[in-house]
Amino acid sequence: MVVLLHMMSVQVTEFERLSSDYPNCLDFGEIFTSLLKDPTTRNPDYLLKDGHLFKGTRLCVP
């Protein structure tokens, strides 16, 4: 039996920049700003975690 292991790595460049792009984003700017001002805002679909916006488990990319 031959086993081939393949390792794949993904590196995201400028990941930290995403949080600074949210406020001006046409798609996510309003949601991001409202969650930033008041994290208890009733928006069950979105979550602000460590400065990044998520919809469910998906990262929102501005």
Protein backbone atom coordinates (compact mmCIF):
# COMPACT_ATOMS: atom_id res chain seq x y z
CA MET A 1 0.00 0.00 0.00
CA VAL A 2 1.36 3.37 -0.99
CA VAL A 3 0.26 6.40 0.94
CA LEU A 4 0.86 9.83 -0.45
CA LEU A 5 0.58 12.73 1.92
CA HIS A 6 0.13 16.16 0.52
CA MET A 7 0.23 19.25 2.67
CA MET A 8 -1.48 22.36 1.51
CA SER A 9 -1.09 25.73 3.12
CA VAL A 10 -3.06 28.90 2.57
CA GLN A 11 -1.65 32.24 3.55
CA VAL A 12 -3.79 35.35 3.44
CA THR A 13 -1.84 38.53 2.87
CA GLU A 14 -3.01 41.78 4.42
CA PHE A 15 -5.66 40.00 6.51
CA GLU A 16 -5.33 42.73 9.14
CA ARG A 17 -6.34 45.32 6.55
CA LEU A 18 -9.85 43.90 6.24
CA SER A 19 -11.07 45.56 9.43
CA SER A 20 -9.99 48.99 8.19
CA ASP A 21 -11.82 48.47 4.87
CA TYR A 22 -15.21 47.57 6.37
CA PRO A 23 -16.44 51.10 7.24
CA ASN A 24 -16.17 52.26 3.60
CA CYS A 25 -17.51 49.04 2.09
CA LEU A 26 -20.82 49.44 0.24
CA ASP A 27 -21.88 45.90 1.14
CA PHE A 28 -20.85 45.66 4.80
CA GLY A 29 -20.11 49.20 5.98
CA GLU A 30 -23.45 49.92 7.62
CA ILE A 31 -23.62 46.54 9.38
CA PHE A 32 -20.00 46.77 10.55
CA THR A 33 -20.43 50.30 11.90
CA SER A 34 -23.62 49.46 13.77
CA LEU A 35 -22.04 46.38 15.37
CA LEU A 36 -18.91 48.35 16.23
CA LYS A 37 -20.93 51.06 17.99
CA ASP A 38 -23.28 48.64 19.74
CA PRO A 39 -22.35 44.93 19.76
CA THR A 40 -25.81 44.10 21.12
CA THR A 41 -27.45 45.37 17.91
CA ARG A 42 -30.15 42.93 16.87
CA ASN A 43 -28.65 41.40 13.78
CA PRO A 44 -28.65 37.62 14.21
CA ASP A 45 -26.94 36.95 10.88
CA TYR A 46 -23.73 38.89 11.56
CA LEU A 47 -21.02 38.68 14.21
CA LEU A 48 -18.10 40.99 14.89
CA LYS A 49 -15.12 38.97 16.15
CA ASP A 50 -11.65 40.46 16.70
CA GLY A 51 -12.43 43.31 14.31
CA HIS A 52 -13.62 41.02 11.51
CA LEU A 53 -17.18 40.63 10.28
CA PHE A 54 -18.72 37.20 9.90
CA LYS A 55 -22.04 36.06 8.52
CA GLY A 56 -22.56 32.77 10.26
CA THR A 57 -19.20 31.03 9.90
CA ARG A 58 -18.23 32.91 6.73
CA LEU A 59 -15.80 35.81 6.75
CA CYS A 60 -17.19 38.90 5.02
CA VAL A 61 -14.56 40.29 2.66
CA PRO A 62 -15.00 43.97 1.74
